[in-house]
N, C-alpha and C. Protein backbone atom coordinates (compact mmCIF):
# COMPACT_ATOMS: atom_id res chain seq x y z
N MET A 1 -5.71 15.07 5.76
CA MET A 1 -4.51 14.28 5.98
C MET A 1 -4.89 12.81 6.17
N VAL A 2 -4.16 11.92 5.53
CA VAL A 2 -4.41 10.50 5.68
C VAL A 2 -3.68 9.99 6.92
N PRO A 3 -4.14 8.88 7.53
CA PRO A 3 -3.52 8.38 8.76
C PRO A 3 -2.01 8.14 8.64
N THR A 4 -1.54 7.62 7.50
CA THR A 4 -0.11 7.37 7.37
C THR A 4 0.69 8.67 7.38
N GLN A 5 0.12 9.73 6.83
CA GLN A 5 0.80 11.02 6.85
C GLN A 5 0.84 11.58 8.26
N ILE A 6 -0.21 11.38 9.03
CA ILE A 6 -0.24 11.83 10.42
C ILE A 6 0.83 11.10 11.22
N LEU A 7 0.95 9.80 11.02
CA LEU A 7 1.99 9.03 11.72
C LEU A 7 3.38 9.52 11.34
N ALA A 8 3.62 9.73 10.05
CA ALA A 8 4.93 10.19 9.59
C ALA A 8 5.27 11.56 10.19
N GLU A 9 4.30 12.46 10.20
CA GLU A 9 4.53 13.80 10.76
C GLU A 9 4.81 13.71 12.26
N THR A 10 4.16 12.79 12.95
CA THR A 10 4.40 12.61 14.39
C THR A 10 5.81 12.09 14.64
N PHE A 11 6.24 11.08 13.88
CA PHE A 11 7.60 10.55 14.04
C PHE A 11 8.64 11.63 13.74
N LYS A 12 8.39 12.39 12.70
CA LYS A 12 9.32 13.47 12.32
C LYS A 12 9.41 14.51 13.44
N ALA A 13 8.27 14.89 14.00
CA ALA A 13 8.24 15.88 15.08
C ALA A 13 8.94 15.37 16.34
N GLU A 14 8.97 14.05 16.52
CA GLU A 14 9.63 13.46 17.69
C GLU A 14 11.13 13.27 17.47
N GLY A 15 11.63 13.69 16.30
CA GLY A 15 13.07 13.64 16.05
C GLY A 15 13.57 12.45 15.27
N PHE A 16 12.68 11.61 14.78
CA PHE A 16 13.11 10.47 13.98
C PHE A 16 13.60 10.96 12.62
N ASP A 17 14.60 10.27 12.06
CA ASP A 17 15.13 10.61 10.74
C ASP A 17 14.32 9.97 9.62
N GLY A 18 13.56 8.93 9.95
CA GLY A 18 12.76 8.24 8.95
C GLY A 18 12.07 7.04 9.57
N VAL A 19 11.40 6.29 8.74
CA VAL A 19 10.73 5.07 9.18
C VAL A 19 10.97 3.96 8.16
N GLU A 20 10.91 2.73 8.66
CA GLU A 20 11.05 1.53 7.82
C GLU A 20 9.83 0.66 8.11
N TYR A 21 9.24 0.11 7.04
CA TYR A 21 8.05 -0.72 7.23
C TYR A 21 7.95 -1.76 6.12
N ARG A 22 7.22 -2.84 6.41
CA ARG A 22 7.02 -3.89 5.41
C ARG A 22 6.06 -3.39 4.34
N SER A 23 6.32 -3.79 3.11
CA SER A 23 5.46 -3.41 2.00
C SER A 23 4.12 -4.11 2.11
N GLY A 24 3.06 -3.38 1.79
CA GLY A 24 1.73 -3.96 1.74
C GLY A 24 1.39 -4.55 0.39
N LEU A 25 2.25 -4.32 -0.61
CA LEU A 25 1.97 -4.80 -1.97
C LEU A 25 2.79 -6.01 -2.36
N ALA A 26 3.98 -6.16 -1.80
CA ALA A 26 4.85 -7.27 -2.17
C ALA A 26 5.82 -7.54 -1.03
N LYS A 27 6.58 -8.60 -1.15
CA LYS A 27 7.61 -8.88 -0.16
C LYS A 27 8.68 -7.81 -0.26
N GLY A 28 9.08 -7.27 0.87
CA GLY A 28 10.11 -6.25 0.84
C GLY A 28 9.93 -5.23 1.93
N ILE A 29 10.89 -4.35 2.02
CA ILE A 29 10.92 -3.31 3.04
C ILE A 29 10.92 -1.95 2.36
N ASN A 30 10.13 -1.04 2.86
CA ASN A 30 10.11 0.34 2.39
C ASN A 30 10.80 1.22 3.42
N VAL A 31 11.55 2.21 2.95
CA VAL A 31 12.23 3.16 3.82
C VAL A 31 11.82 4.57 3.41
N VAL A 32 11.42 5.36 4.39
CA VAL A 32 11.07 6.76 4.15
C VAL A 32 12.01 7.62 4.97
N LEU A 33 12.74 8.50 4.29
CA LEU A 33 13.62 9.44 4.96
C LEU A 33 12.95 10.81 4.99
N PHE A 34 12.94 11.45 6.14
CA PHE A 34 12.32 12.76 6.24
C PHE A 34 13.22 13.85 5.66
N ASP A 35 14.51 13.57 5.54
CA ASP A 35 15.46 14.50 4.91
C ASP A 35 16.25 13.70 3.89
N ALA A 36 15.94 13.86 2.61
CA ALA A 36 16.61 13.09 1.55
C ALA A 36 18.11 13.35 1.53
N GLY A 37 18.56 14.49 2.02
CA GLY A 37 19.98 14.81 2.05
C GLY A 37 20.73 14.10 3.17
N ALA A 38 20.01 13.39 4.03
CA ALA A 38 20.64 12.70 5.16
C ALA A 38 21.29 11.38 4.75
N ALA A 39 21.07 10.94 3.53
CA ALA A 39 21.62 9.66 3.07
C ALA A 39 22.22 9.85 1.69
N LYS A 40 23.18 9.00 1.39
CA LYS A 40 23.83 9.02 0.08
C LYS A 40 23.47 7.72 -0.65
N PRO A 41 22.83 7.81 -1.81
CA PRO A 41 22.48 6.59 -2.54
C PRO A 41 23.72 5.85 -3.01
N LEU A 42 23.70 4.53 -2.88
CA LEU A 42 24.80 3.70 -3.38
C LEU A 42 24.61 3.36 -4.84
N ARG A 43 23.35 3.09 -5.22
CA ARG A 43 23.00 2.76 -6.60
C ARG A 43 21.62 3.32 -6.88
N THR A 44 21.31 3.50 -8.14
CA THR A 44 19.94 3.89 -8.52
C THR A 44 19.46 2.93 -9.60
N TYR A 45 18.17 2.69 -9.60
CA TYR A 45 17.55 1.81 -10.57
C TYR A 45 16.29 2.49 -11.10
N LEU A 46 15.96 2.21 -12.34
CA LEU A 46 14.74 2.72 -12.94
C LEU A 46 13.84 1.52 -13.25
N TYR A 47 12.64 1.54 -12.71
CA TYR A 47 11.69 0.47 -12.94
C TYR A 47 10.48 1.03 -13.66
N SER A 48 9.89 0.22 -14.54
CA SER A 48 8.63 0.57 -15.19
C SER A 48 7.54 -0.31 -14.60
N LEU A 49 6.50 0.31 -14.10
CA LEU A 49 5.38 -0.42 -13.53
C LEU A 49 4.52 -0.97 -14.66
N LYS A 50 4.33 -2.29 -14.67
CA LYS A 50 3.55 -2.92 -15.72
C LYS A 50 2.16 -3.30 -15.27
N GLN A 51 1.99 -3.62 -13.98
CA GLN A 51 0.68 -4.05 -13.52
C GLN A 51 0.60 -3.93 -12.00
N VAL A 52 -0.58 -3.58 -11.52
CA VAL A 52 -0.87 -3.57 -10.09
C VAL A 52 -2.12 -4.41 -9.89
N LYS A 53 -2.09 -5.28 -8.89
CA LYS A 53 -3.23 -6.16 -8.64
C LYS A 53 -3.54 -6.15 -7.14
N TYR A 54 -4.80 -5.90 -6.80
CA TYR A 54 -5.26 -5.93 -5.42
C TYR A 54 -6.33 -7.00 -5.30
N THR A 55 -6.29 -7.78 -4.23
CA THR A 55 -7.33 -8.75 -3.95
C THR A 55 -7.81 -8.52 -2.52
N PHE A 56 -9.11 -8.30 -2.37
CA PHE A 56 -9.70 -8.04 -1.07
C PHE A 56 -10.55 -9.24 -0.67
N THR A 57 -10.32 -9.74 0.54
CA THR A 57 -11.12 -10.86 1.05
C THR A 57 -11.38 -10.62 2.54
N GLY A 58 -12.28 -11.39 3.09
CA GLY A 58 -12.49 -11.33 4.53
C GLY A 58 -13.94 -11.42 4.93
N ASP A 59 -14.14 -11.67 6.21
CA ASP A 59 -15.49 -11.79 6.75
C ASP A 59 -16.23 -10.45 6.73
N GLN A 60 -15.49 -9.36 6.85
CA GLN A 60 -16.11 -8.05 6.90
C GLN A 60 -16.43 -7.51 5.51
N PHE A 61 -15.95 -8.19 4.48
CA PHE A 61 -16.09 -7.71 3.10
C PHE A 61 -17.12 -8.57 2.37
N ALA A 62 -18.16 -7.98 1.90
CA ALA A 62 -19.17 -8.72 1.12
C ALA A 62 -19.94 -7.75 0.24
N ILE A 63 -20.16 -8.17 -0.99
CA ILE A 63 -20.97 -7.38 -1.93
C ILE A 63 -22.11 -8.29 -2.41
N GLN A 64 -23.31 -7.82 -2.24
CA GLN A 64 -24.46 -8.58 -2.73
C GLN A 64 -24.75 -8.16 -4.15
N LEU A 65 -24.95 -9.14 -5.01
CA LEU A 65 -25.26 -8.84 -6.40
C LEU A 65 -26.18 -9.89 -6.96
N GLN A 66 -26.70 -9.58 -8.13
CA GLN A 66 -27.59 -10.52 -8.81
C GLN A 66 -26.99 -10.84 -10.17
N LYS A 67 -26.78 -12.12 -10.41
CA LYS A 67 -26.20 -12.57 -11.68
C LYS A 67 -27.04 -13.72 -12.20
N ASP A 68 -27.43 -13.63 -13.45
CA ASP A 68 -28.28 -14.65 -14.07
C ASP A 68 -29.54 -14.91 -13.23
N ARG A 69 -30.13 -13.81 -12.74
CA ARG A 69 -31.37 -13.84 -11.95
C ARG A 69 -31.23 -14.59 -10.63
N ALA A 70 -30.02 -14.78 -10.16
CA ALA A 70 -29.81 -15.43 -8.87
C ALA A 70 -29.01 -14.49 -7.96
N ASP A 71 -29.40 -14.42 -6.69
CA ASP A 71 -28.68 -13.60 -5.73
C ASP A 71 -27.37 -14.29 -5.36
N GLN A 72 -26.30 -13.50 -5.30
CA GLN A 72 -24.99 -14.01 -4.92
C GLN A 72 -24.34 -13.04 -3.94
N VAL A 73 -23.44 -13.55 -3.13
CA VAL A 73 -22.64 -12.72 -2.23
C VAL A 73 -21.19 -12.90 -2.63
N LEU A 74 -20.56 -11.82 -3.00
CA LEU A 74 -19.17 -11.82 -3.42
C LEU A 74 -18.30 -11.52 -2.20
N THR A 75 -17.40 -12.45 -1.83
CA THR A 75 -16.55 -12.23 -0.66
C THR A 75 -15.10 -12.02 -1.03
N GLU A 76 -14.82 -11.97 -2.33
CA GLU A 76 -13.47 -11.67 -2.80
C GLU A 76 -13.57 -10.77 -4.03
N LEU A 77 -12.73 -9.76 -4.07
CA LEU A 77 -12.75 -8.81 -5.18
C LEU A 77 -11.32 -8.61 -5.64
N THR A 78 -11.09 -8.75 -6.94
CA THR A 78 -9.76 -8.53 -7.51
C THR A 78 -9.84 -7.40 -8.51
N SER A 79 -8.89 -6.50 -8.43
CA SER A 79 -8.83 -5.36 -9.34
C SER A 79 -7.42 -5.31 -9.92
N GLU A 80 -7.32 -5.19 -11.24
CA GLU A 80 -6.02 -5.11 -11.91
C GLU A 80 -5.95 -3.85 -12.75
N SER A 81 -4.75 -3.35 -12.89
CA SER A 81 -4.51 -2.21 -13.76
C SER A 81 -3.16 -2.39 -14.42
N PRO A 82 -3.01 -2.20 -15.65
CA PRO A 82 -3.98 -2.00 -16.71
C PRO A 82 -4.59 -3.30 -17.12
């Protein structure tokens, strides 16, 4: 079980109907309902995901590598898909 699933199961067991939290990927709010039948959708939208991009930085993050015969320390990593 991942930590977020443990938290969700704990909230559900304590009688919560759901949780709301800030998105970690973009500006916005995410809502999780533990019972999908507890709410009635007002509108539905279909989105196609075109790209996901993560950038990791920080003092605790470092990768040592060698490029062009010189040692370097990478303190930022960006990953994109596709």
